[in-house]
Amino acid sequence: RAEEWWTADQLDGEVFGYQSWMIADNRTDELVDQLVRLAAD
């Protein structure tokens, strides 16, 4: 729902950091599971 590009860019960066943390901490399966569940939201 972000209307300004800088807001979307900041949120996207936060999500990328979240993904990076999940992957680096060997929680890739958990990240994939969350995305699969949210793809059916």
ModelCIF file with pLDDT and N, C-alpha, C, O atoms, coordinates in Angstrom:
data_MODEL
#
_entry.id   MODEL 
#
_entity.id                         1 
_entity.type                       polymer 
_entity.pdbx_number_of_molecules   1 
#
_entity_poly.entity_id                      1 
_entity_poly.type                           'polypeptide(L)' 
_entity_poly.nstd_linkage                   no 
_entity_poly.nstd_monomer                   no 
_entity_poly.pdbx_seq_one_letter_code       RAEEWWTADQLDGEVFGYQSWMIADNRTDELVDQLVRLAAD 
_entity_poly.pdbx_seq_one_letter_code_can   RAEEWWTADQLDGEVFGYQSWMIADNRTDELVDQLVRLAAD 
_entity_poly.pdbx_strand_id                 A 
#
loop_
_entity_poly_seq.entity_id 
_entity_poly_seq.num 
_entity_poly_seq.mon_id 
_entity_poly_seq.hetero 
1 1  ARG n 
1 2  ALA n 
1 3  GLU n 
1 4  GLU n 
1 5  TRP n 
1 6  TRP n 
1 7  THR n 
1 8  ALA n 
1 9  ASP n 
1 10 GLN n 
1 11 LEU n 
1 12 ASP n 
1 13 GLY n 
1 14 GLU n 
1 15 VAL n 
1 16 PHE n 
1 17 GLY n 
1 18 TYR n 
1 19 GLN n 
1 20 SER n 
1 21 TRP n 
1 22 MET n 
1 23 ILE n 
1 24 ALA n 
1 25 ASP n 
1 26 ASN n 
1 27 ARG n 
1 28 THR n 
1 29 ASP n 
1 30 GLU n 
1 31 LEU n 
1 32 VAL n 
1 33 ASP n 
1 34 GLN n 
1 35 LEU n 
1 36 VAL n 
1 37 ARG n 
1 38 LEU n 
1 39 ALA n 
1 40 ALA n 
1 41 ASP n 
#
_struct_asym.id          A 
_struct_asym.entity_id   1 
#
loop_
_ma_qa_metric.id 
_ma_qa_metric.mode 
_ma_qa_metric.name 
_ma_qa_metric.software_group_id 
_ma_qa_metric.type 
1 global pLDDT . pLDDT 
2 local  pLDDT . pLDDT 
#
_ma_qa_metric_global.metric_id      1 
_ma_qa_metric_global.metric_value   91.07 
_ma_qa_metric_global.model_id       1 
_ma_qa_metric_global.ordinal_id     1 
#
loop_
_ma_qa_metric_local.label_asym_id 
_ma_qa_metric_local.label_comp_id 
_ma_qa_metric_local.label_seq_id 
_ma_qa_metric_local.metric_id 
_ma_qa_metric_local.metric_value 
_ma_qa_metric_local.model_id 
_ma_qa_metric_local.ordinal_id 
A ARG 1  2 97.00 1 1  
A ALA 2  2 96.00 1 2  
A GLU 3  2 94.00 1 3  
A GLU 4  2 95.00 1 4  
A TRP 5  2 94.00 1 5  
A TRP 6  2 94.00 1 6  
A THR 7  2 94.00 1 7  
A ALA 8  2 93.00 1 8  
A ASP 9  2 94.00 1 9  
A GLN 10 2 93.00 1 10 
A LEU 11 2 93.00 1 11 
A ASP 12 2 91.00 1 12 
A GLY 13 2 92.00 1 13 
A GLU 14 2 90.00 1 14 
A VAL 15 2 90.00 1 15 
A PHE 16 2 88.00 1 16 
A GLY 17 2 88.00 1 17 
A TYR 18 2 86.00 1 18 
A GLN 19 2 86.00 1 19 
A SER 20 2 87.00 1 20 
A TRP 21 2 84.00 1 21 
A MET 22 2 83.00 1 22 
A ILE 23 2 84.00 1 23 
A ALA 24 2 84.00 1 24 
A ASP 25 2 84.00 1 25 
A ASN 26 2 87.00 1 26 
A ARG 27 2 84.00 1 27 
A THR 28 2 87.00 1 28 
A ASP 29 2 89.00 1 29 
A GLU 30 2 89.00 1 30 
A LEU 31 2 88.00 1 31 
A VAL 32 2 90.00 1 32 
A ASP 33 2 93.00 1 33 
A GLN 34 2 95.00 1 34 
A LEU 35 2 95.00 1 35 
A VAL 36 2 95.00 1 36 
A ARG 37 2 97.00 1 37 
A LEU 38 2 98.00 1 38 
A ALA 39 2 97.00 1 39 
A ALA 40 2 98.00 1 40 
A ASP 41 2 98.00 1 41 
#
loop_
_atom_site.group_PDB 
_atom_site.id 
_atom_site.type_symbol 
_atom_site.label_atom_id 
_atom_site.label_alt_id 
_atom_site.label_comp_id 
_atom_site.label_asym_id 
_atom_site.label_entity_id 
_atom_site.label_seq_id 
_atom_site.pdbx_PDB_ins_code 
_atom_site.Cartn_x 
_atom_site.Cartn_y 
_atom_site.Cartn_z 
_atom_site.occupancy 
_atom_site.B_iso_or_equiv 
_atom_site.pdbx_formal_charge 
_atom_site.auth_seq_id 
_atom_site.auth_comp_id 
_atom_site.auth_asym_id 
_atom_site.auth_atom_id 
_atom_site.pdbx_PDB_model_num 
ATOM 1   N N  . ARG A 1 1  ? 0.805  -1.229  0.000  1.00 97.00 ? 1  ARG A N  1 
ATOM 2   C CA . ARG A 1 1  ? 0.000  0.000   0.000  1.00 97.00 ? 1  ARG A CA 1 
ATOM 3   C C  . ARG A 1 1  ? 0.835  1.274   0.000  1.00 97.00 ? 1  ARG A C  1 
ATOM 4   O O  . ARG A 1 1  ? 0.286  2.376   0.009  1.00 97.00 ? 1  ARG A O  1 
ATOM 5   N N  . ALA A 1 2  ? 2.143  1.133   -0.010 1.00 96.00 ? 2  ALA A N  1 
ATOM 6   C CA . ALA A 1 2  ? 3.025  2.304   0.028  1.00 96.00 ? 2  ALA A CA 1 
ATOM 7   C C  . ALA A 1 2  ? 2.794  3.168   -1.219 1.00 96.00 ? 2  ALA A C  1 
ATOM 8   O O  . ALA A 1 2  ? 2.830  2.672   -2.345 1.00 96.00 ? 2  ALA A O  1 
ATOM 9   N N  . GLU A 1 3  ? 2.562  4.436   -1.004 1.00 94.00 ? 3  GLU A N  1 
ATOM 10  C CA . GLU A 1 3  ? 2.284  5.345   -2.116 1.00 94.00 ? 3  GLU A CA 1 
ATOM 11  C C  . GLU A 1 3  ? 3.525  6.109   -2.572 1.00 94.00 ? 3  GLU A C  1 
ATOM 12  O O  . GLU A 1 3  ? 3.612  6.504   -3.735 1.00 94.00 ? 3  GLU A O  1 
ATOM 13  N N  . GLU A 1 4  ? 4.458  6.316   -1.696 1.00 95.00 ? 4  GLU A N  1 
ATOM 14  C CA . GLU A 1 4  ? 5.691  7.027   -2.042 1.00 95.00 ? 4  GLU A CA 1 
ATOM 15  C C  . GLU A 1 4  ? 6.797  6.010   -2.301 1.00 95.00 ? 4  GLU A C  1 
ATOM 16  O O  . GLU A 1 4  ? 6.899  5.005   -1.596 1.00 95.00 ? 4  GLU A O  1 
ATOM 17  N N  . TRP A 1 5  ? 7.616  6.266   -3.299 1.00 94.00 ? 5  TRP A N  1 
ATOM 18  C CA . TRP A 1 5  ? 8.652  5.307   -3.666 1.00 94.00 ? 5  TRP A CA 1 
ATOM 19  C C  . TRP A 1 5  ? 9.641  5.081   -2.533 1.00 94.00 ? 5  TRP A C  1 
ATOM 20  O O  . TRP A 1 5  ? 10.128 3.967   -2.347 1.00 94.00 ? 5  TRP A O  1 
ATOM 21  N N  . TRP A 1 6  ? 9.942  6.138   -1.770 1.00 94.00 ? 6  TRP A N  1 
ATOM 22  C CA . TRP A 1 6  ? 10.925 5.992   -0.689 1.00 94.00 ? 6  TRP A CA 1 
ATOM 23  C C  . TRP A 1 6  ? 10.383 5.133   0.451  1.00 94.00 ? 6  TRP A C  1 
ATOM 24  O O  . TRP A 1 6  ? 11.144 4.442   1.127  1.00 94.00 ? 6  TRP A O  1 
ATOM 25  N N  . THR A 1 7  ? 9.096  5.177   0.659  1.00 94.00 ? 7  THR A N  1 
ATOM 26  C CA . THR A 1 7  ? 8.495  4.313   1.674  1.00 94.00 ? 7  THR A CA 1 
ATOM 27  C C  . THR A 1 7  ? 8.564  2.867   1.221  1.00 94.00 ? 7  THR A C  1 
ATOM 28  O O  . THR A 1 7  ? 8.956  1.985   1.985  1.00 94.00 ? 7  THR A O  1 
ATOM 29  N N  . ALA A 1 8  ? 8.183  2.628   -0.021 1.00 93.00 ? 8  ALA A N  1 
ATOM 30  C CA . ALA A 1 8  ? 8.245  1.271   -0.571 1.00 93.00 ? 8  ALA A CA 1 
ATOM 31  C C  . ALA A 1 8  ? 9.683  0.760   -0.576 1.00 93.00 ? 8  ALA A C  1 
ATOM 32  O O  . ALA A 1 8  ? 9.932  -0.402  -0.255 1.00 93.00 ? 8  ALA A O  1 
ATOM 33  N N  . ASP A 1 9  ? 10.629 1.628   -0.940 1.00 94.00 ? 9  ASP A N  1 
ATOM 34  C CA . ASP A 1 9  ? 12.034 1.242   -0.978 1.00 94.00 ? 9  ASP A CA 1 
ATOM 35  C C  . ASP A 1 9  ? 12.538 0.867   0.416  1.00 94.00 ? 9  ASP A C  1 
ATOM 36  O O  . ASP A 1 9  ? 13.260 -0.117  0.574  1.00 94.00 ? 9  ASP A O  1 
ATOM 37  N N  . GLN A 1 10 ? 12.158 1.645   1.415  1.00 93.00 ? 10 GLN A N  1 
ATOM 38  C CA . GLN A 1 10 ? 12.588 1.346   2.778  1.00 93.00 ? 10 GLN A CA 1 
ATOM 39  C C  . GLN A 1 10 ? 11.989 0.025   3.262  1.00 93.00 ? 10 GLN A C  1 
ATOM 40  O O  . GLN A 1 10 ? 12.695 -0.806  3.834  1.00 93.00 ? 10 GLN A O  1 
ATOM 41  N N  . LEU A 1 11 ? 10.699 -0.166  3.035  1.00 93.00 ? 11 LEU A N  1 
ATOM 42  C CA . LEU A 1 11 ? 10.054 -1.408  3.459  1.00 93.00 ? 11 LEU A CA 1 
ATOM 43  C C  . LEU A 1 11 ? 10.637 -2.610  2.728  1.00 93.00 ? 11 LEU A C  1 
ATOM 44  O O  . LEU A 1 11 ? 10.855 -3.664  3.326  1.00 93.00 ? 11 LEU A O  1 
ATOM 45  N N  . ASP A 1 12 ? 10.888 -2.446  1.431  1.00 91.00 ? 12 ASP A N  1 
ATOM 46  C CA . ASP A 1 12 ? 11.474 -3.535  0.653  1.00 91.00 ? 12 ASP A CA 1 
ATOM 47  C C  . ASP A 1 12 ? 12.854 -3.896  1.201  1.00 91.00 ? 12 ASP A C  1 
ATOM 48  O O  . ASP A 1 12 ? 13.209 -5.072  1.281  1.00 91.00 ? 12 ASP A O  1 
ATOM 49  N N  . GLY A 1 13 ? 13.626 -2.880  1.576  1.00 92.00 ? 13 GLY A N  1 
ATOM 50  C CA . GLY A 1 13 ? 14.942 -3.121  2.167  1.00 92.00 ? 13 GLY A CA 1 
ATOM 51  C C  . GLY A 1 13 ? 14.844 -3.857  3.495  1.00 92.00 ? 13 GLY A C  1 
ATOM 52  O O  . GLY A 1 13 ? 15.665 -4.724  3.793  1.00 92.00 ? 13 GLY A O  1 
ATOM 53  N N  . GLU A 1 14 ? 13.841 -3.511  4.288  1.00 90.00 ? 14 GLU A N  1 
ATOM 54  C CA . GLU A 1 14 ? 13.638 -4.199  5.566  1.00 90.00 ? 14 GLU A CA 1 
ATOM 55  C C  . GLU A 1 14 ? 13.290 -5.672  5.335  1.00 90.00 ? 14 GLU A C  1 
ATOM 56  O O  . GLU A 1 14 ? 13.793 -6.553  6.033  1.00 90.00 ? 14 GLU A O  1 
ATOM 57  N N  . VAL A 1 15 ? 12.440 -5.925  4.368  1.00 90.00 ? 15 VAL A N  1 
ATOM 58  C CA . VAL A 1 15 ? 12.065 -7.306  4.056  1.00 90.00 ? 15 VAL A CA 1 
ATOM 59  C C  . VAL A 1 15 ? 13.274 -8.072  3.537  1.00 90.00 ? 15 VAL A C  1 
ATOM 60  O O  . VAL A 1 15 ? 13.460 -9.238  3.884  1.00 90.00 ? 15 VAL A O  1 
ATOM 61  N N  . PHE A 1 16 ? 14.106 -7.426  2.702  1.00 88.00 ? 16 PHE A N  1 
ATOM 62  C CA . PHE A 1 16 ? 15.313 -8.079  2.210  1.00 88.00 ? 16 PHE A CA 1 
ATOM 63  C C  . PHE A 1 16 ? 16.233 -8.444  3.373  1.00 88.00 ? 16 PHE A C  1 
ATOM 64  O O  . PHE A 1 16 ? 16.804 -9.534  3.398  1.00 88.00 ? 16 PHE A O  1 
ATOM 65  N N  . GLY A 1 17 ? 16.375 -7.529  4.339  1.00 88.00 ? 17 GLY A N  1 
ATOM 66  C CA . GLY A 1 17 ? 17.190 -7.819  5.525  1.00 88.00 ? 17 GLY A CA 1 
ATOM 67  C C  . GLY A 1 17 ? 16.622 -8.981  6.322  1.00 88.00 ? 17 GLY A C  1 
ATOM 68  O O  . GLY A 1 17 ? 17.367 -9.805  6.853  1.00 88.00 ? 17 GLY A O  1 
ATOM 69  N N  . TYR A 1 18 ? 15.311 -9.040  6.401  1.00 86.00 ? 18 TYR A N  1 
ATOM 70  C CA . TYR A 1 18 ? 14.636 -10.139 7.095  1.00 86.00 ? 18 TYR A CA 1 
ATOM 71  C C  . TYR A 1 18 ? 14.937 -11.460 6.386  1.00 86.00 ? 18 TYR A C  1 
ATOM 72  O O  . TYR A 1 18 ? 15.269 -12.457 7.026  1.00 86.00 ? 18 TYR A O  1 
ATOM 73  N N  . GLN A 1 19 ? 14.818 -11.453 5.066  1.00 86.00 ? 19 GLN A N  1 
ATOM 74  C CA . GLN A 1 19 ? 15.120 -12.663 4.305  1.00 86.00 ? 19 GLN A CA 1 
ATOM 75  C C  . GLN A 1 19 ? 16.574 -13.069 4.506  1.00 86.00 ? 19 GLN A C  1 
ATOM 76  O O  . GLN A 1 19 ? 16.876 -14.247 4.694  1.00 86.00 ? 19 GLN A O  1 
ATOM 77  N N  . SER A 1 20 ? 17.469 -12.095 4.465  1.00 87.00 ? 20 SER A N  1 
ATOM 78  C CA . SER A 1 20 ? 18.891 -12.385 4.633  1.00 87.00 ? 20 SER A CA 1 
ATOM 79  C C  . SER A 1 20 ? 19.168 -13.004 5.990  1.00 87.00 ? 20 SER A C  1 
ATOM 80  O O  . SER A 1 20 ? 19.957 -13.942 6.103  1.00 87.00 ? 20 SER A O  1 
ATOM 81  N N  . TRP A 1 21 ? 18.515 -12.478 7.023  1.00 84.00 ? 21 TRP A N  1 
ATOM 82  C CA . TRP A 1 21 ? 18.698 -13.025 8.371  1.00 84.00 ? 21 TRP A CA 1 
ATOM 83  C C  . TRP A 1 21 ? 18.187 -14.461 8.422  1.00 84.00 ? 21 TRP A C  1 
ATOM 84  O O  . TRP A 1 21 ? 18.854 -15.340 8.967  1.00 84.00 ? 21 TRP A O  1 
ATOM 85  N N  . MET A 1 22 ? 17.005 -14.698 7.856  1.00 83.00 ? 22 MET A N  1 
ATOM 86  C CA . MET A 1 22 ? 16.417 -16.047 7.883  1.00 83.00 ? 22 MET A CA 1 
ATOM 87  C C  . MET A 1 22 ? 17.326 -17.047 7.174  1.00 83.00 ? 22 MET A C  1 
ATOM 88  O O  . MET A 1 22 ? 17.541 -18.157 7.660  1.00 83.00 ? 22 MET A O  1 
ATOM 89  N N  . ILE A 1 23 ? 17.853 -16.646 6.025  1.00 84.00 ? 23 ILE A N  1 
ATOM 90  C CA . ILE A 1 23 ? 18.698 -17.543 5.247  1.00 84.00 ? 23 ILE A CA 1 
ATOM 91  C C  . ILE A 1 23 ? 20.028 -17.776 5.974  1.00 84.00 ? 23 ILE A C  1 
ATOM 92  O O  . ILE A 1 23 ? 20.496 -18.910 6.065  1.00 84.00 ? 23 ILE A O  1 
ATOM 93  N N  . ALA A 1 24 ? 20.632 -16.702 6.488  1.00 84.00 ? 24 ALA A N  1 
ATOM 94  C CA . ALA A 1 24 ? 21.922 -16.812 7.176  1.00 84.00 ? 24 ALA A CA 1 
ATOM 95  C C  . ALA A 1 24 ? 21.819 -17.652 8.442  1.00 84.00 ? 24 ALA A C  1 
ATOM 96  O O  . ALA A 1 24 ? 22.796 -18.275 8.856  1.00 84.00 ? 24 ALA A O  1 
ATOM 97  N N  . ASP A 1 25 ? 20.658 -17.671 9.051  1.00 84.00 ? 25 ASP A N  1 
ATOM 98  C CA . ASP A 1 25 ? 20.465 -18.411 10.297 1.00 84.00 ? 25 ASP A CA 1 
ATOM 99  C C  . ASP A 1 25 ? 19.900 -19.812 10.041 1.00 84.00 ? 25 ASP A C  1 
ATOM 100 O O  . ASP A 1 25 ? 19.352 -20.445 10.944 1.00 84.00 ? 25 ASP A O  1 
ATOM 101 N N  . ASN A 1 26 ? 20.042 -20.291 8.781  1.00 87.00 ? 26 ASN A N  1 
ATOM 102 C CA . ASN A 1 26 ? 19.565 -21.623 8.387  1.00 87.00 ? 26 ASN A CA 1 
ATOM 103 C C  . ASN A 1 26 ? 18.076 -21.816 8.646  1.00 87.00 ? 26 ASN A C  1 
ATOM 104 O O  . ASN A 1 26 ? 17.640 -22.902 9.027  1.00 87.00 ? 26 ASN A O  1 
ATOM 105 N N  . ARG A 1 27 ? 17.298 -20.753 8.436  1.00 84.00 ? 27 ARG A N  1 
ATOM 106 C CA . ARG A 1 27 ? 15.849 -20.835 8.617  1.00 84.00 ? 27 ARG A CA 1 
ATOM 107 C C  . ARG A 1 27 ? 15.141 -20.651 7.277  1.00 84.00 ? 27 ARG A C  1 
ATOM 108 O O  . ARG A 1 27 ? 14.020 -20.148 7.217  1.00 84.00 ? 27 ARG A O  1 
ATOM 109 N N  . THR A 1 28 ? 15.816 -21.068 6.201  1.00 87.00 ? 28 THR A N  1 
ATOM 110 C CA . THR A 1 28 ? 15.260 -20.919 4.860  1.00 87.00 ? 28 THR A CA 1 
ATOM 111 C C  . THR A 1 28 ? 13.907 -21.601 4.745  1.00 87.00 ? 28 THR A C  1 
ATOM 112 O O  . THR A 1 28 ? 12.989 -21.047 4.140  1.00 87.00 ? 28 THR A O  1 
ATOM 113 N N  . ASP A 1 29 ? 13.765 -22.798 5.315  1.00 89.00 ? 29 ASP A N  1 
ATOM 114 C CA . ASP A 1 29 ? 12.492 -23.512 5.243  1.00 89.00 ? 29 ASP A CA 1 
ATOM 115 C C  . ASP A 1 29 ? 11.373 -22.711 5.903  1.00 89.00 ? 29 ASP A C  1 
ATOM 116 O O  . ASP A 1 29 ? 10.242 -22.694 5.418  1.00 89.00 ? 29 ASP A O  1 
ATOM 117 N N  . GLU A 1 30 ? 11.696 -22.054 7.003  1.00 89.00 ? 30 GLU A N  1 
ATOM 118 C CA . GLU A 1 30 ? 10.703 -21.245 7.701  1.00 89.00 ? 30 GLU A CA 1 
ATOM 119 C C  . GLU A 1 30 ? 10.285 -20.043 6.842  1.00 89.00 ? 30 GLU A C  1 
ATOM 120 O O  . GLU A 1 30 ? 9.104  -19.705 6.775  1.00 89.00 ? 30 GLU A O  1 
ATOM 121 N N  . LEU A 1 31 ? 11.256 -19.408 6.191  1.00 88.00 ? 31 LEU A N  1 
ATOM 122 C CA . LEU A 1 31 ? 10.961 -18.291 5.304  1.00 88.00 ? 31 LEU A CA 1 
ATOM 123 C C  . LEU A 1 31 ? 10.090 -18.747 4.141  1.00 88.00 ? 31 LEU A C  1 
ATOM 124 O O  . LEU A 1 31 ? 9.096  -18.097 3.816  1.00 88.00 ? 31 LEU A O  1 
ATOM 125 N N  . VAL A 1 32 ? 10.454 -19.849 3.522  1.00 90.00 ? 32 VAL A N  1 
ATOM 126 C CA . VAL A 1 32 ? 9.667  -20.380 2.405  1.00 90.00 ? 32 VAL A CA 1 
ATOM 127 C C  . VAL A 1 32 ? 8.256  -20.700 2.868  1.00 90.00 ? 32 VAL A C  1 
ATOM 128 O O  . VAL A 1 32 ? 7.290  -20.389 2.170  1.00 90.00 ? 32 VAL A O  1 
ATOM 129 N N  . ASP A 1 33 ? 8.127  -21.312 4.028  1.00 93.00 ? 33 ASP A N  1 
ATOM 130 C CA . ASP A 1 33 ? 6.802  -21.639 4.568  1.00 93.00 ? 33 ASP A CA 1 
ATOM 131 C C  . ASP A 1 33 ? 5.974  -20.372 4.784  1.00 93.00 ? 33 ASP A C  1 
ATOM 132 O O  . ASP A 1 33 ? 4.790  -20.344 4.449  1.00 93.00 ? 33 ASP A O  1 
ATOM 133 N N  . GLN A 1 34 ? 6.579  -19.340 5.332  1.00 95.00 ? 34 GLN A N  1 
ATOM 134 C CA . GLN A 1 34 ? 5.852  -18.089 5.554  1.00 95.00 ? 34 GLN A CA 1 
ATOM 135 C C  . GLN A 1 34 ? 5.388  -17.491 4.229  1.00 95.00 ? 34 GLN A C  1 
ATOM 136 O O  . GLN A 1 34 ? 4.246  -17.044 4.119  1.00 95.00 ? 34 GLN A O  1 
ATOM 137 N N  . LEU A 1 35 ? 6.253  -17.478 3.230  1.00 95.00 ? 35 LEU A N  1 
ATOM 138 C CA . LEU A 1 35 ? 5.885  -16.909 1.931  1.00 95.00 ? 35 LEU A CA 1 
ATOM 139 C C  . LEU A 1 35 ? 4.794  -17.728 1.247  1.00 95.00 ? 35 LEU A C  1 
ATOM 140 O O  . LEU A 1 35 ? 3.897  -17.163 0.622  1.00 95.00 ? 35 LEU A O  1 
ATOM 141 N N  . VAL A 1 36 ? 4.862  -19.045 1.360  1.00 95.00 ? 36 VAL A N  1 
ATOM 142 C CA . VAL A 1 36 ? 3.819  -19.903 0.775  1.00 95.00 ? 36 VAL A CA 1 
ATOM 143 C C  . VAL A 1 36 ? 2.479  -19.620 1.442  1.00 95.00 ? 36 VAL A C  1 
ATOM 144 O O  . VAL A 1 36 ? 1.454  -19.488 0.772  1.00 95.00 ? 36 VAL A O  1 
ATOM 145 N N  . ARG A 1 37 ? 2.498  -19.530 2.756  1.00 97.00 ? 37 ARG A N  1 
ATOM 146 C CA . ARG A 1 37 ? 1.251  -19.248 3.478  1.00 97.00 ? 37 ARG A CA 1 
ATOM 147 C C  . ARG A 1 37 ? 0.699  -17.875 3.123  1.00 97.00 ? 37 ARG A C  1 
ATOM 148 O O  . ARG A 1 37 ? -0.512 -17.713 2.974  1.00 97.00 ? 37 ARG A O  1 
ATOM 149 N N  . LEU A 1 38 ? 1.575  -16.890 2.986  1.00 98.00 ? 38 LEU A N  1 
ATOM 150 C CA . LEU A 1 38 ? 1.120  -15.543 2.662  1.00 98.00 ? 38 LEU A CA 1 
ATOM 151 C C  . LEU A 1 38 ? 0.711  -15.408 1.198  1.00 98.00 ? 38 LEU A C  1 
ATOM 152 O O  . LEU A 1 38 ? -0.053 -14.506 0.854  1.00 98.00 ? 38 LEU A O  1 
ATOM 153 N N  . ALA A 1 39 ? 1.202  -16.282 0.339  1.00 97.00 ? 39 ALA A N  1 
ATOM 154 C CA . ALA A 1 39 ? 0.790  -16.273 -1.070 1.00 97.00 ? 39 ALA A CA 1 
ATOM 155 C C  . ALA A 1 39 ? -0.665 -16.698 -1.227 1.00 97.00 ? 39 ALA A C  1 
ATOM 156 O O  . ALA A 1 39 ? -1.246 -16.538 -2.300 1.00 97.00 ? 39 ALA A O  1 
ATOM 157 N N  . ALA A 1 40 ? -1.254 -17.238 -0.166 1.00 98.00 ? 40 ALA A N  1 
ATOM 158 C CA . ALA A 1 40 ? -2.669 -17.625 -0.176 1.00 98.00 ? 40 ALA A CA 1 
ATOM 159 C C  . ALA A 1 40 ? -3.497 -16.716 0.736  1.00 98.00 ? 40 ALA A C  1 
ATOM 160 O O  . ALA A 1 40 ? -4.634 -17.045 1.076  1.00 98.00 ? 40 ALA A O  1 
ATOM 161 N N  . ASP A 1 41 ? -2.936 -15.587 1.128  1.00 98.00 ? 41 ASP A N  1 
ATOM 162 C CA . ASP A 1 41 ? -3.615 -14.660 2.043  1.00 98.00 ? 41 ASP A CA 1 
ATOM 163 C C  . ASP A 1 41 ? -4.865 -14.075 1.388  1.00 98.00 ? 41 ASP A C  1 
ATOM 164 O O  . ASP A 1 41 ? -5.567 -13.274 2.005  1.00 98.00 ? 41 ASP A O  1 
#
